[in-house]
Amino acid sequence: MSDFLGLKRIIQRNNSFLITTHVNPDPDALGSELALYLILKKLGKKVRIVNYSVTPYNLEFLDEEKVIEKFDEELHSNIFEEAEVLVVIDLNAASRLVKMEKGFRAFKGIKICIDHHQGTEDVFDHVFGDTNYTATAEIIYDFIEQTNVVELDYPIALQLYAGIMTDTGSFRFERTSSRIHLITAALLEKGIDPTKVYDKIYDQFNYGRIKLLGEALSSMAIDSTQQIAYMIIKRQSLERTGTTEADIDGFVNYCLTIRNIRIGILFYELNDGIKISFRSKGQIPVNKLANEYSGGGHSNAAGTRLFNVSIDEIKDKIISAAQRYL
C-alpha cells in the first residue's frame, strides 16, 4: 500500500515542483499530470509541467489553460535546477523521458514516481502506486481520498475520469472492478459528462488518421498459428496522410477484434528504427515478450523501441518469439 501521507508531507515541505511523463503521452499520463498540477496549485505551490512530446490534438481539451510546456533543450535548460521535487508520472523507466533523461538523472532534488506499471527502475527516491491499479489516475484519486489533501472538484475529476476511462478500455479490460466503477461514480457526481469526454477523445480525429487506419488495416496479416495478427505502418504512410506518430495510438487493438486471435502486434517504422506495440488476451504476458527486446508495459499491453534495425530484419523474429507465448 502506498504511503500517501508520506507524499502529502513531501508536498507540504517543498515549494517548487516539476512534473513530466513519458514520450507520446496518453490520456492517463496527461490527466494524471494535470490533476497533480491542479492539486499543487490549490496548495499554493510553484509547479510546471514540461513534456518531451507535444500534447495530441484530441487531448488538448484536458489542458484548457495551456499549462503543459513542450520540452526545448535551450528554453528549458534550467528547469531541473529550479525545482525541489521532480514528479514522473505514468512511467517506470527514465529512458521513456527521451532527451529529458539526462536532466532527470542529474537532478539533485527529490525524485518521485507515480505509476502503475511493472518493473519500476531503481532511480527514484519514492514510488507511489503499484500494478494493482488500473490507471495512474486511480492512484491520484486514492491520494486525494486518503489524505484529504484538497477537495475533489470538477477540474480534477475531469482529468482523473479521462485517465481511468481510457486505461480501462472504456471499462472493458480485465482489471475493471466494482471498485473502479465506484470511483467513476464519484467522479461523475462532480459533473463529468461521459458522452462528451468520450467524443472528444475518440470521435474527433483528423481525416488523415482515418486514412492512415485504412492503410494499417490493409497491411494486416495473420501468422501460421492463426492466433497472431500483425500490421505494419511505414513512414511514407504518415507523410501521405499528413499524420503523426500520436495518430497511431490504438491501432494495434484492431488485431484482437479478429476471431481466435490472441496476440496483436503493430510494427511502426521510425526514422532511426522501429516501434513495436503488443496486445494480448487472457493470460498471455506480452510485457515479458516486450522485455525480451528492452521494452515493457502491462501483461496484456506492452511495447518497445528498437534502433538501427528495419521492420523486414526483425519482423519474423518478433513473430516467432510471440508464438512461444501462445
C-alpha atoms as a PDB file:
ATOM      1  CA  MET A   1       0.000   0.000   0.000  1.00  0.00           C
ATOM      2  CA  SER A   2       1.353   3.414  -0.944  1.00  0.00           C
ATOM      3  CA  ASP A   3       2.386   5.838   1.779  1.00  0.00           C
ATOM      4  CA  PHE A   4       0.134   8.671   0.622  1.00  0.00           C
ATOM      5  CA  LEU A   5       0.632  10.543   3.896  1.00  0.00           C
ATOM      6  CA  GLY A   6       4.341  10.490   3.062  1.00  0.00           C
ATOM      7  CA  LEU A   7       3.581  12.047  -0.320  1.00  0.00           C
ATOM      8  CA  LYS A   8       1.477  14.671   1.393  1.00  0.00           C
ATOM      9  CA  ARG A   9       4.371  15.521   3.743  1.00  0.00           C
ATOM     10  CA  ILE A  10       6.762  15.888   0.801  1.00  0.00           C
ATOM     11  CA  ILE A  11       4.330  18.301  -0.829  1.00  0.00           C
ATOM     12  CA  GLN A  12       3.887  20.279   2.382  1.00  0.00           C
ATOM     13  CA  ARG A  13       7.635  20.591   2.986  1.00  0.00           C
ATOM     14  CA  ASN A  14       8.592  21.750  -0.505  1.00  0.00           C
ATOM     15  CA  ASN A  15       7.538  24.650  -2.675  1.00  0.00           C
ATOM     16  CA  SER A  16       8.690  24.085  -6.268  1.00  0.00           C
ATOM     17  CA  PHE A  17       7.694  21.095  -8.390  1.00  0.00           C
ATOM     18  CA  LEU A  18       8.406  19.860 -11.915  1.00  0.00           C
ATOM     19  CA  ILE A  19       6.031  17.294 -13.440  1.00  0.00           C
ATOM     20  CA  THR A  20       6.682  15.234 -16.569  1.00  0.00           C
ATOM     21  CA  THR A  21       5.631  11.995 -18.258  1.00  0.00           C
ATOM     22  CA  HIS A  22       6.579   9.560 -20.987  1.00  0.00           C
ATOM     23  CA  VAL A  23       7.068  10.193 -24.688  1.00  0.00           C
ATOM     24  CA  ASN A  24       3.785  10.291 -26.652  1.00  0.00           C
ATOM     25  CA  PRO A  25       1.542  10.732 -23.589  1.00  0.00           C
ATOM     26  CA  ASP A  26      -1.877   9.112 -23.438  1.00  0.00           C
ATOM     27  CA  PRO A  27      -4.940  10.422 -21.539  1.00  0.00           C
ATOM     28  CA  ASP A  28      -3.900   8.680 -18.317  1.00  0.00           C
ATOM     29  CA  ALA A  29      -0.474  10.319 -18.383  1.00  0.00           C
ATOM     30  CA  LEU A  30      -1.813  13.762 -19.243  1.00  0.00           C
ATOM     31  CA  GLY A  31      -4.834  13.570 -16.954  1.00  0.00           C
ATOM     32  CA  SER A  32      -2.707  12.435 -14.011  1.00  0.00           C
ATOM     33  CA  GLU A  33      -0.170  15.201 -14.646  1.00  0.00           C
ATOM     34  CA  LEU A  34      -2.841  17.855 -14.839  1.00  0.00           C
ATOM     35  CA  ALA A  35      -4.698  16.542 -11.789  1.00  0.00           C
ATOM     36  CA  LEU A  36      -1.500  16.717  -9.736  1.00  0.00           C
ATOM     37  CA  TYR A  37      -0.801  20.179 -11.148  1.00  0.00           C
ATOM     38  CA  LEU A  38      -4.231  21.353 -10.001  1.00  0.00           C
ATOM     39  CA  ILE A  39      -3.671  19.859  -6.549  1.00  0.00           C
ATOM     40  CA  LEU A  40      -0.335  21.623  -6.163  1.00  0.00           C
ATOM     41  CA  LYS A  41      -1.717  24.954  -7.415  1.00  0.00           C
ATOM     42  CA  LYS A  42      -4.559  24.708  -4.880  1.00  0.00           C
ATOM     43  CA  LEU A  43      -1.875  24.383  -2.195  1.00  0.00           C
ATOM     44  CA  GLY A  44      -0.077  27.487  -3.425  1.00  0.00           C
ATOM     45  CA  LYS A  45       2.931  25.638  -4.834  1.00  0.00           C
ATOM     46  CA  LYS A  46       5.134  26.673  -7.733  1.00  0.00           C
ATOM     47  CA  VAL A  47       4.670  23.991 -10.386  1.00  0.00           C
ATOM     48  CA  ARG A  48       5.412  23.403 -14.067  1.00  0.00           C
ATOM     49  CA  ILE A  49       4.556  20.565 -16.436  1.00  0.00           C
ATOM     50  CA  VAL A  50       7.183  20.006 -19.127  1.00  0.00           C
ATOM     51  CA  ASN A  51       6.786  17.055 -21.504  1.00  0.00           C
ATOM     52  CA  TYR A  52       9.098  15.793 -24.201  1.00  0.00           C
ATOM     53  CA  SER A  53       6.201  15.272 -26.618  1.00  0.00           C
ATOM     54  CA  VAL A  54       3.537  17.657 -27.795  1.00  0.00           C
ATOM     55  CA  THR A  55       0.033  17.019 -26.452  1.00  0.00           C
ATOM     56  CA  PRO A  56      -2.037  15.089 -29.035  1.00  0.00           C
ATOM     57  CA  TYR A  57      -4.637  17.351 -30.622  1.00  0.00           C
ATOM     58  CA  ASN A  58      -7.596  15.249 -29.471  1.00  0.00           C
ATOM     59  CA  LEU A  59      -6.438  15.602 -25.855  1.00  0.00           C
ATOM     60  CA  GLU A  60      -5.848  19.352 -25.868  1.00  0.00           C
ATOM     61  CA  PHE A  61      -9.245  19.883 -24.206  1.00  0.00           C
ATOM     62  CA  LEU A  62      -7.768  18.455 -20.996  1.00  0.00           C
ATOM     63  CA  ASP A  63      -5.191  21.261 -20.922  1.00  0.00           C
ATOM     64  CA  GLU A  64      -7.661  24.083 -21.387  1.00  0.00           C
ATOM     65  CA  GLU A  65      -5.375  26.628 -19.712  1.00  0.00           C
ATOM     66  CA  LYS A  66      -2.366  25.511 -21.822  1.00  0.00           C
ATOM     67  CA  VAL A  67      -0.093  24.901 -18.849  1.00  0.00           C
ATOM     68  CA  ILE A  68       1.804  21.984 -20.418  1.00  0.00           C
ATOM     69  CA  GLU A  69       5.088  23.065 -21.981  1.00  0.00           C
ATOM     70  CA  LYS A  70       6.821  21.241 -24.839  1.00  0.00           C
ATOM     71  CA  PHE A  71      10.421  20.472 -23.891  1.00  0.00           C
ATOM     72  CA  ASP A  72      13.074  22.573 -25.595  1.00  0.00           C
ATOM     73  CA  GLU A  73      16.711  21.977 -24.614  1.00  0.00           C
ATOM     74  CA  GLU A  74      17.623  25.677 -24.774  1.00  0.00           C
ATOM     75  CA  LEU A  75      14.403  27.113 -23.372  1.00  0.00           C
ATOM     76  CA  HIS A  76      14.263  24.598 -20.527  1.00  0.00           C
ATOM     77  CA  SER A  77      17.972  24.339 -19.739  1.00  0.00           C
ATOM     78  CA  ASN A  78      17.420  25.321 -16.084  1.00  0.00           C
ATOM     79  CA  ILE A  79      14.150  23.616 -15.198  1.00  0.00           C
ATOM     80  CA  PHE A  80      15.801  20.805 -13.268  1.00  0.00           C
ATOM     81  CA  GLU A  81      17.805  23.257 -11.153  1.00  0.00           C
ATOM     82  CA  GLU A  82      14.749  25.377 -10.372  1.00  0.00           C
ATOM     83  CA  ALA A  83      12.648  22.564  -8.851  1.00  0.00           C
ATOM     84  CA  GLU A  84      12.933  20.948  -5.440  1.00  0.00           C
ATOM     85  CA  VAL A  85      10.789  17.956  -6.382  1.00  0.00           C
ATOM     86  CA  LEU A  86      10.595  16.133  -9.718  1.00  0.00           C
ATOM     87  CA  VAL A  87       7.461  14.035 -10.221  1.00  0.00           C
ATOM     88  CA  VAL A  88       7.497  11.489 -13.043  1.00  0.00           C
ATOM     89  CA  ILE A  89       4.006  10.308 -13.990  1.00  0.00           C
ATOM     90  CA  ASP A  90       2.844   7.051 -15.621  1.00  0.00           C
ATOM     91  CA  LEU A  91       6.251   5.609 -16.493  1.00  0.00           C
ATOM     92  CA  ASN A  92       8.700   3.250 -14.844  1.00  0.00           C
ATOM     93  CA  ALA A  93      11.939   3.815 -16.774  1.00  0.00           C
ATOM     94  CA  ALA A  94      13.911   7.021 -17.266  1.00  0.00           C
ATOM     95  CA  SER A  95      14.635   6.155 -20.897  1.00  0.00           C
ATOM     96  CA  ARG A  96      10.995   6.985 -21.741  1.00  0.00           C
ATOM     97  CA  LEU A  97      11.805  10.633 -20.990  1.00  0.00           C
ATOM     98  CA  VAL A  98      13.961  10.646 -24.155  1.00  0.00           C
ATOM     99  CA  LYS A  99      16.007  13.890 -24.234  1.00  0.00           C
ATOM    100  CA  MET A 100      14.812  14.810 -20.736  1.00  0.00           C
ATOM    101  CA  GLU A 101      16.508  11.700 -19.300  1.00  0.00           C
ATOM    102  CA  LYS A 102      19.864  13.433 -18.885  1.00  0.00           C
ATOM    103  CA  GLY A 103      18.316  16.196 -16.768  1.00  0.00           C
ATOM    104  CA  PHE A 104      16.354  13.634 -14.770  1.00  0.00           C
ATOM    105  CA  ARG A 105      19.436  11.604 -13.885  1.00  0.00           C
ATOM    106  CA  ALA A 106      21.405  14.725 -12.894  1.00  0.00           C
ATOM    107  CA  PHE A 107      18.550  16.098 -10.757  1.00  0.00           C
ATOM    108  CA  LYS A 108      19.673  16.725  -7.153  1.00  0.00           C
ATOM    109  CA  GLY A 109      16.248  17.095  -5.528  1.00  0.00           C
ATOM    110  CA  ILE A 110      13.572  14.559  -4.607  1.00  0.00           C
ATOM    111  CA  LYS A 111      12.620  12.174  -7.418  1.00  0.00           C
ATOM    112  CA  ILE A 112       9.085  10.801  -7.209  1.00  0.00           C
ATOM    113  CA  CYS A 113       7.436   8.180  -9.413  1.00  0.00           C
ATOM    114  CA  ILE A 114       3.641   7.829  -9.550  1.00  0.00           C
ATOM    115  CA  ASP A 115       2.857   4.845 -11.753  1.00  0.00           C
ATOM    116  CA  HIS A 116       1.053   1.515 -12.163  1.00  0.00           C
ATOM    117  CA  HIS A 117       3.422  -0.403 -14.467  1.00  0.00           C
ATOM    118  CA  GLN A 118       5.617  -3.383 -13.647  1.00  0.00           C
ATOM    119  CA  GLY A 119       9.380  -3.346 -13.166  1.00  0.00           C
ATOM    120  CA  THR A 120       9.995   0.202 -11.944  1.00  0.00           C
ATOM    121  CA  GLU A 121      13.609   1.250 -12.493  1.00  0.00           C
ATOM    122  CA  ASP A 122      15.545   1.812  -9.270  1.00  0.00           C
ATOM    123  CA  VAL A 123      16.205   5.508  -9.848  1.00  0.00           C
ATOM    124  CA  PHE A 124      13.504   7.136  -7.695  1.00  0.00           C
ATOM    125  CA  ASP A 125      13.557   8.296  -4.089  1.00  0.00           C
ATOM    126  CA  HIS A 126       9.870   7.495  -3.648  1.00  0.00           C
ATOM    127  CA  VAL A 127       7.414   5.352  -5.650  1.00  0.00           C
ATOM    128  CA  PHE A 128       3.639   5.654  -5.213  1.00  0.00           C
ATOM    129  CA  GLY A 129       1.303   3.119  -6.797  1.00  0.00           C
ATOM    130  CA  ASP A 130       1.598  -0.468  -7.982  1.00  0.00           C
ATOM    131  CA  THR A 131       0.310  -2.848 -10.625  1.00  0.00           C
ATOM    132  CA  ASN A 132      -2.995  -3.397  -8.815  1.00  0.00           C
ATOM    133  CA  TYR A 133      -4.151  -0.013 -10.059  1.00  0.00           C
ATOM    134  CA  THR A 134      -5.993   0.191 -13.369  1.00  0.00           C
ATOM    135  CA  ALA A 135      -4.558   3.622 -14.131  1.00  0.00           C
ATOM    136  CA  THR A 136      -2.199   6.216 -12.707  1.00  0.00           C
ATOM    137  CA  ALA A 137      -5.251   8.464 -12.389  1.00  0.00           C
ATOM    138  CA  GLU A 138      -6.673   5.966  -9.897  1.00  0.00           C
ATOM    139  CA  ILE A 139      -3.541   6.438  -7.771  1.00  0.00           C
ATOM    140  CA  ILE A 140      -4.088  10.208  -7.764  1.00  0.00           C
ATOM    141  CA  TYR A 141      -7.712   9.631  -6.766  1.00  0.00           C
ATOM    142  CA  ASP A 142      -6.649   7.462  -3.819  1.00  0.00           C
ATOM    143  CA  PHE A 143      -4.101  10.083  -2.782  1.00  0.00           C
ATOM    144  CA  ILE A 144      -6.859  12.691  -2.568  1.00  0.00           C
ATOM    145  CA  GLU A 145      -9.335  10.316  -0.931  1.00  0.00           C
ATOM    146  CA  GLN A 146      -6.966   9.002   1.735  1.00  0.00           C
ATOM    147  CA  THR A 147      -5.268  12.268   2.699  1.00  0.00           C
ATOM    148  CA  ASN A 148      -7.895  14.953   2.008  1.00  0.00           C
ATOM    149  CA  VAL A 149      -5.001  16.956   0.595  1.00  0.00           C
ATOM    150  CA  VAL A 150      -7.526  19.038  -1.397  1.00  0.00           C
ATOM    151  CA  GLU A 151     -11.198  18.863  -2.234  1.00  0.00           C
ATOM    152  CA  LEU A 152     -12.055  16.799  -5.301  1.00  0.00           C
ATOM    153  CA  ASP A 153     -13.712  19.251  -7.695  1.00  0.00           C
ATOM    154  CA  TYR A 154     -14.830  19.176 -11.331  1.00  0.00           C
ATOM    155  CA  PRO A 155     -11.489  20.209 -12.948  1.00  0.00           C
ATOM    156  CA  ILE A 156      -9.580  17.485 -11.098  1.00  0.00           C
ATOM    157  CA  ALA A 157     -12.350  14.919 -11.607  1.00  0.00           C
ATOM    158  CA  LEU A 158     -12.304  15.535 -15.379  1.00  0.00           C
ATOM    159  CA  GLN A 159      -8.603  14.668 -15.575  1.00  0.00           C
ATOM    160  CA  LEU A 160      -8.994  11.545 -13.448  1.00  0.00           C
ATOM    161  CA  TYR A 161     -12.050  10.334 -15.363  1.00  0.00           C
ATOM    162  CA  ALA A 162     -10.243  10.692 -18.701  1.00  0.00           C
ATOM    163  CA  GLY A 163      -7.309   8.671 -17.393  1.00  0.00           C
ATOM    164  CA  ILE A 164      -9.370   5.898 -15.842  1.00  0.00           C
ATOM    165  CA  MET A 165     -11.849   5.620 -18.707  1.00  0.00           C
ATOM    166  CA  THR A 166      -9.147   5.228 -21.337  1.00  0.00           C
ATOM    167  CA  ASP A 167      -6.750   2.984 -19.413  1.00  0.00           C
ATOM    168  CA  THR A 168      -9.583   0.563 -18.635  1.00  0.00           C
ATOM    169  CA  GLY A 169     -10.519   0.461 -22.331  1.00  0.00           C
ATOM    170  CA  SER A 170     -13.795   2.199 -21.539  1.00  0.00           C
ATOM    171  CA  PHE A 171     -14.262  -0.205 -18.609  1.00  0.00           C
ATOM    172  CA  ARG A 172     -13.833  -3.405 -20.602  1.00  0.00           C
ATOM    173  CA  PHE A 173     -10.286  -4.511 -19.693  1.00  0.00           C
ATOM    174  CA  GLU A 174      -9.653  -7.373 -17.290  1.00  0.00           C
ATOM    175  CA  ARG A 175      -8.769  -5.306 -14.214  1.00  0.00           C
ATOM    176  CA  THR A 176     -12.010  -3.330 -14.366  1.00  0.00           C
ATOM    177  CA  SER A 177     -13.589  -3.936 -10.963  1.00  0.00           C
ATOM    178  CA  SER A 178     -16.571  -2.898  -8.867  1.00  0.00           C
ATOM    179  CA  ARG A 179     -14.218  -0.547  -7.028  1.00  0.00           C
ATOM    180  CA  ILE A 180     -13.209   1.301 -10.200  1.00  0.00           C
ATOM    181  CA  HIS A 181     -16.890   1.745 -11.044  1.00  0.00           C
ATOM    182  CA  LEU A 182     -17.481   3.233  -7.588  1.00  0.00           C
ATOM    183  CA  ILE A 183     -14.595   5.635  -8.144  1.00  0.00           C
ATOM    184  CA  THR A 184     -16.010   6.522 -11.544  1.00  0.00           C
ATOM    185  CA  ALA A 185     -19.400   7.190  -9.950  1.00  0.00           C
ATOM    186  CA  ALA A 186     -17.750   9.595  -7.503  1.00  0.00           C
ATOM    187  CA  LEU A 187     -16.096  11.415 -10.410  1.00  0.00           C
ATOM    188  CA  LEU A 188     -19.343  11.605 -12.377  1.00  0.00           C
ATOM    189  CA  GLU A 189     -21.030  13.177  -9.360  1.00  0.00           C
ATOM    190  CA  LYS A 190     -18.712  16.164  -9.838  1.00  0.00           C
ATOM    191  CA  GLY A 191     -20.454  16.938 -13.121  1.00  0.00           C
ATOM    192  CA  ILE A 192     -18.483  14.930 -15.670  1.00  0.00           C
ATOM    193  CA  ASP A 193     -20.358  14.257 -18.911  1.00  0.00           C
ATOM    194  CA  PRO A 194     -19.052  10.831 -20.063  1.00  0.00           C
ATOM    195  CA  THR A 195     -20.543  11.195 -23.538  1.00  0.00           C
ATOM    196  CA  LYS A 196     -18.686  14.458 -24.175  1.00  0.00           C
ATOM    197  CA  VAL A 197     -15.398  13.151 -22.803  1.00  0.00           C
ATOM    198  CA  TYR A 198     -15.581  10.019 -24.958  1.00  0.00           C
ATOM    199  CA  ASP A 199     -16.494  12.099 -28.008  1.00  0.00           C
ATOM    200  CA  LYS A 200     -13.530  14.451 -27.582  1.00  0.00           C
ATOM    201  CA  ILE A 201     -11.031  11.627 -27.087  1.00  0.00           C
ATOM    202  CA  TYR A 202     -12.264   9.062 -29.612  1.00  0.00           C
ATOM    203  CA  ASP A 203     -14.622  10.745 -32.074  1.00  0.00           C
ATOM    204  CA  GLN A 204     -12.812  13.948 -33.071  1.00  0.00           C
ATOM    205  CA  PHE A 205      -9.902  12.617 -35.099  1.00  0.00           C
ATOM    206  CA  ASN A 206      -8.465  14.229 -38.202  1.00  0.00           C
ATOM    207  CA  TYR A 207      -9.456  12.814 -41.577  1.00  0.00           C
ATOM    208  CA  GLY A 208      -5.835  11.812 -42.171  1.00  0.00           C
ATOM    209  CA  ARG A 209      -5.904   9.469 -39.181  1.00  0.00           C
ATOM    210  CA  ILE A 210      -8.843   7.568 -40.638  1.00  0.00           C
ATOM    211  CA  LYS A 211      -6.997   7.252 -43.950  1.00  0.00           C
ATOM    212  CA  LEU A 212      -3.934   6.009 -42.058  1.00  0.00           C
ATOM    213  CA  LEU A 213      -6.072   3.474 -40.203  1.00  0.00           C
ATOM    214  CA  GLY A 214      -7.314   2.200 -43.563  1.00  0.00           C
ATOM    215  CA  GLU A 215      -3.749   1.621 -44.737  1.00  0.00           C
ATOM    216  CA  ALA A 216      -2.846  -0.075 -41.454  1.00  0.00           C
ATOM    217  CA  LEU A 217      -5.830  -2.413 -41.698  1.00  0.00           C
ATOM    218  CA  SER A 218      -4.941  -3.210 -45.297  1.00  0.00           C
ATOM    219  CA  SER A 219      -1.466  -4.286 -44.160  1.00  0.00           C
ATOM    220  CA  MET A 220      -2.819  -6.711 -41.543  1.00  0.00           C
ATOM    221  CA  ALA A 221      -1.756 -10.334 -41.783  1.00  0.00           C
ATOM    222  CA  ILE A 222      -2.106 -13.494 -39.685  1.00  0.00           C
ATOM    223  CA  ASP A 223       0.758 -15.829 -38.766  1.00  0.00           C
ATOM    224  CA  SER A 224       0.967 -19.575 -39.322  1.00  0.00           C
ATOM    225  CA  THR A 225      -0.649 -20.384 -35.967  1.00  0.00           C
ATOM    226  CA  GLN A 226      -3.712 -18.332 -36.922  1.00  0.00           C
ATOM    227  CA  GLN A 227      -3.540 -16.799 -33.432  1.00  0.00           C
ATOM    228  CA  ILE A 228      -1.300 -13.767 -34.056  1.00  0.00           C
ATOM    229  CA  ALA A 229      -2.338 -10.805 -36.197  1.00  0.00           C
ATOM    230  CA  TYR A 230       0.055  -8.025 -37.091  1.00  0.00           C
ATOM    231  CA  MET A 231       0.066  -4.799 -39.050  1.00  0.00           C
ATOM    232  CA  ILE A 232       2.814  -2.606 -40.489  1.00  0.00           C
ATOM    233  CA  ILE A 233       2.952   1.175 -40.808  1.00  0.00           C
ATOM    234  CA  LYS A 234       5.733   2.809 -42.817  1.00  0.00           C
ATOM    235  CA  ARG A 235       6.879   6.427 -42.536  1.00  0.00           C
ATOM    236  CA  GLN A 236       5.601   7.109 -46.034  1.00  0.00           C
ATOM    237  CA  SER A 237       2.058   6.402 -44.864  1.00  0.00           C
ATOM    238  CA  LEU A 238       2.269   9.199 -42.298  1.00  0.00           C
ATOM    239  CA  GLU A 239       3.675  11.588 -44.877  1.00  0.00           C
ATOM    240  CA  ARG A 240       0.972  10.619 -47.362  1.00  0.00           C
ATOM    241  CA  THR A 241      -1.867  11.093 -44.864  1.00  0.00           C
ATOM    242  CA  GLY A 242      -0.445  14.113 -43.042  1.00  0.00           C
ATOM    243  CA  THR A 243      -0.437  12.322 -39.698  1.00  0.00           C
ATOM    244  CA  THR A 244       1.966  11.867 -36.768  1.00  0.00           C
ATOM    245  CA  GLU A 245       3.032   9.018 -34.503  1.00  0.00           C
ATOM    246  CA  ALA A 246       0.352  10.051 -32.000  1.00  0.00           C
ATOM    247  CA  ASP A 247      -2.324   9.187 -34.577  1.00  0.00           C
ATOM    248  CA  ILE A 248      -1.285   5.523 -34.448  1.00  0.00           C
ATOM    249  CA  ASP A 249      -2.417   5.166 -30.846  1.00  0.00           C
ATOM    250  CA  GLY A 250      -4.954   2.353 -30.519  1.00  0.00           C
ATOM    251  CA  PHE A 251      -4.454   0.843 -33.980  1.00  0.00           C
ATOM    252  CA  VAL A 252      -2.947  -2.371 -32.622  1.00  0.00           C
ATOM    253  CA  ASN A 253      -6.188  -3.151 -30.768  1.00  0.00           C
ATOM    254  CA  TYR A 254      -7.892  -3.878 -34.104  1.00  0.00           C
ATOM    255  CA  CYS A 255      -5.754  -7.018 -34.364  1.00  0.00           C
ATOM    256  CA  LEU A 256      -7.571  -8.501 -31.379  1.00  0.00           C
ATOM    257  CA  THR A 257     -11.010  -7.959 -32.931  1.00  0.00           C
ATOM    258  CA  ILE A 258     -10.411 -10.959 -35.216  1.00  0.00           C
ATOM    259  CA  ARG A 259     -11.875 -14.260 -34.088  1.00  0.00           C
ATOM    260  CA  ASN A 260      -9.331 -16.628 -32.459  1.00  0.00           C
ATOM    261  CA  ILE A 261      -6.561 -14.019 -32.435  1.00  0.00           C
ATOM    262  CA  ARG A 262      -4.783 -13.956 -29.070  1.00  0.00           C
ATOM    263  CA  ILE A 263      -1.828 -11.645 -29.770  1.00  0.00           C
ATOM    264  CA  GLY A 264      -1.795  -8.429 -31.800  1.00  0.00           C
ATOM    265  CA  ILE A 265       1.395  -6.714 -32.956  1.00  0.00           C
ATOM    266  CA  LEU A 266       1.941  -3.368 -34.670  1.00  0.00           C
ATOM    267  CA  PHE A 267       5.256  -2.564 -36.363  1.00  0.00           C
ATOM    268  CA  TYR A 268       5.828   1.138 -36.916  1.00  0.00           C
ATOM    269  CA  GLU A 269       8.796   2.475 -38.864  1.00  0.00           C
ATOM    270  CA  LEU A 270      10.802   5.262 -37.206  1.00  0.00           C
ATOM    271  CA  ASN A 271      13.490   7.433 -38.753  1.00  0.00           C
ATOM    272  CA  ASP A 272      16.158   5.507 -36.837  1.00  0.00           C
ATOM    273  CA  GLY A 273      14.495   2.175 -36.110  1.00  0.00           C
ATOM    274  CA  ILE A 274      11.065   0.798 -35.275  1.00  0.00           C
ATOM    275  CA  LYS A 275       8.406   0.935 -32.584  1.00  0.00           C
ATOM    276  CA  ILE A 276       6.529  -2.274 -31.746  1.00  0.00           C
ATOM    277  CA  SER A 277       3.230  -2.431 -29.847  1.00  0.00           C
ATOM    278  CA  PHE A 278       1.935  -5.676 -28.362  1.00  0.00           C
ATOM    279  CA  ARG A 279      -1.571  -6.572 -27.182  1.00  0.00           C
ATOM    280  CA  SER A 280      -2.937  -9.878 -25.929  1.00  0.00           C
ATOM    281  CA  LYS A 281      -5.974 -11.605 -24.493  1.00  0.00           C
ATOM    282  CA  GLY A 282      -6.254 -13.691 -21.343  1.00  0.00           C
ATOM    283  CA  GLN A 283      -3.127 -14.808 -19.532  1.00  0.00           C
ATOM    284  CA  ILE A 284      -0.616 -14.131 -22.310  1.00  0.00           C
ATOM    285  CA  PRO A 285       2.065 -11.813 -20.788  1.00  0.00           C
ATOM    286  CA  VAL A 286       3.184  -9.675 -23.700  1.00  0.00           C
ATOM    287  CA  ASN A 287       5.086  -7.458 -21.262  1.00  0.00           C
ATOM    288  CA  LYS A 288       7.543 -10.364 -20.915  1.00  0.00           C
ATOM    289  CA  LEU A 289       7.756 -10.579 -24.694  1.00  0.00           C
ATOM    290  CA  ALA A 290       8.448  -6.835 -24.869  1.00  0.00           C
ATOM    291  CA  ASN A 291      11.060  -7.208 -22.125  1.00  0.00           C
ATOM    292  CA  GLU A 292      12.991  -9.625 -24.345  1.00  0.00           C
ATOM    293  CA  TYR A 293      13.520  -6.636 -26.628  1.00  0.00           C
ATOM    294  CA  SER A 294      14.265  -3.983 -23.948  1.00  0.00           C
ATOM    295  CA  GLY A 295      10.618  -2.941 -23.645  1.00  0.00           C
ATOM    296  CA  GLY A 296       7.904  -3.340 -21.067  1.00  0.00           C
ATOM    297  CA  GLY A 297       4.357  -2.492 -20.059  1.00  0.00           C
ATOM    298  CA  HIS A 298       1.351  -4.386 -18.742  1.00  0.00           C
ATOM    299  CA  SER A 299       0.591  -8.081 -19.058  1.00  0.00           C
ATOM    300  CA  ASN A 300      -1.860  -7.500 -21.937  1.00  0.00           C
ATOM    301  CA  ALA A 301      -0.435  -4.246 -23.345  1.00  0.00           C
ATOM    302  CA  ALA A 302       3.243  -3.548 -23.880  1.00  0.00           C
ATOM    303  CA  GLY A 303       5.745  -2.207 -26.350  1.00  0.00           C
ATOM    304  CA  THR A 304       9.324  -1.401 -27.227  1.00  0.00           C
ATOM    305  CA  ARG A 305      11.502   0.733 -29.493  1.00  0.00           C
ATOM    306  CA  LEU A 306      14.420  -0.734 -31.394  1.00  0.00           C
ATOM    307  CA  PHE A 307      17.045   1.447 -33.014  1.00  0.00           C
ATOM    308  CA  ASN A 308      19.132   0.906 -36.143  1.00  0.00           C
ATOM    309  CA  VAL A 309      17.001  -2.002 -37.308  1.00  0.00           C
ATOM    310  CA  SER A 310      14.343  -2.325 -40.023  1.00  0.00           C
ATOM    311  CA  ILE A 311      10.932  -3.975 -39.876  1.00  0.00           C
ATOM    312  CA  ASP A 312      11.991  -6.525 -42.505  1.00  0.00           C
ATOM    313  CA  GLU A 313      15.011  -7.508 -40.405  1.00  0.00           C
ATOM    314  CA  ILE A 314      13.118  -8.078 -37.152  1.00  0.00           C
ATOM    315  CA  LYS A 315       9.501  -8.918 -38.039  1.00  0.00           C
ATOM    316  CA  ASP A 316       9.866 -12.708 -38.351  1.00  0.00           C
ATOM    317  CA  LYS A 317      11.970 -12.901 -35.178  1.00  0.00           C
ATOM    318  CA  ILE A 318       9.324 -10.999 -33.205  1.00  0.00           C
ATOM    319  CA  ILE A 319       6.500 -13.180 -34.504  1.00  0.00           C
ATOM    320  CA  SER A 320       8.475 -16.358 -33.710  1.00  0.00           C
ATOM    321  CA  ALA A 321       9.119 -15.050 -30.206  1.00  0.00           C
ATOM    322  CA  ALA A 322       5.414 -14.238 -29.785  1.00  0.00           C
ATOM    323  CA  GLN A 323       4.436 -17.777 -30.793  1.00  0.00           C
ATOM    324  CA  ARG A 324       6.244 -19.102 -27.714  1.00  0.00           C
ATOM    325  CA  TYR A 325       3.722 -17.268 -25.518  1.00  0.00           C
ATOM    326  CA  LEU A 326       0.633 -18.829 -27.051  1.00  0.00           C
END
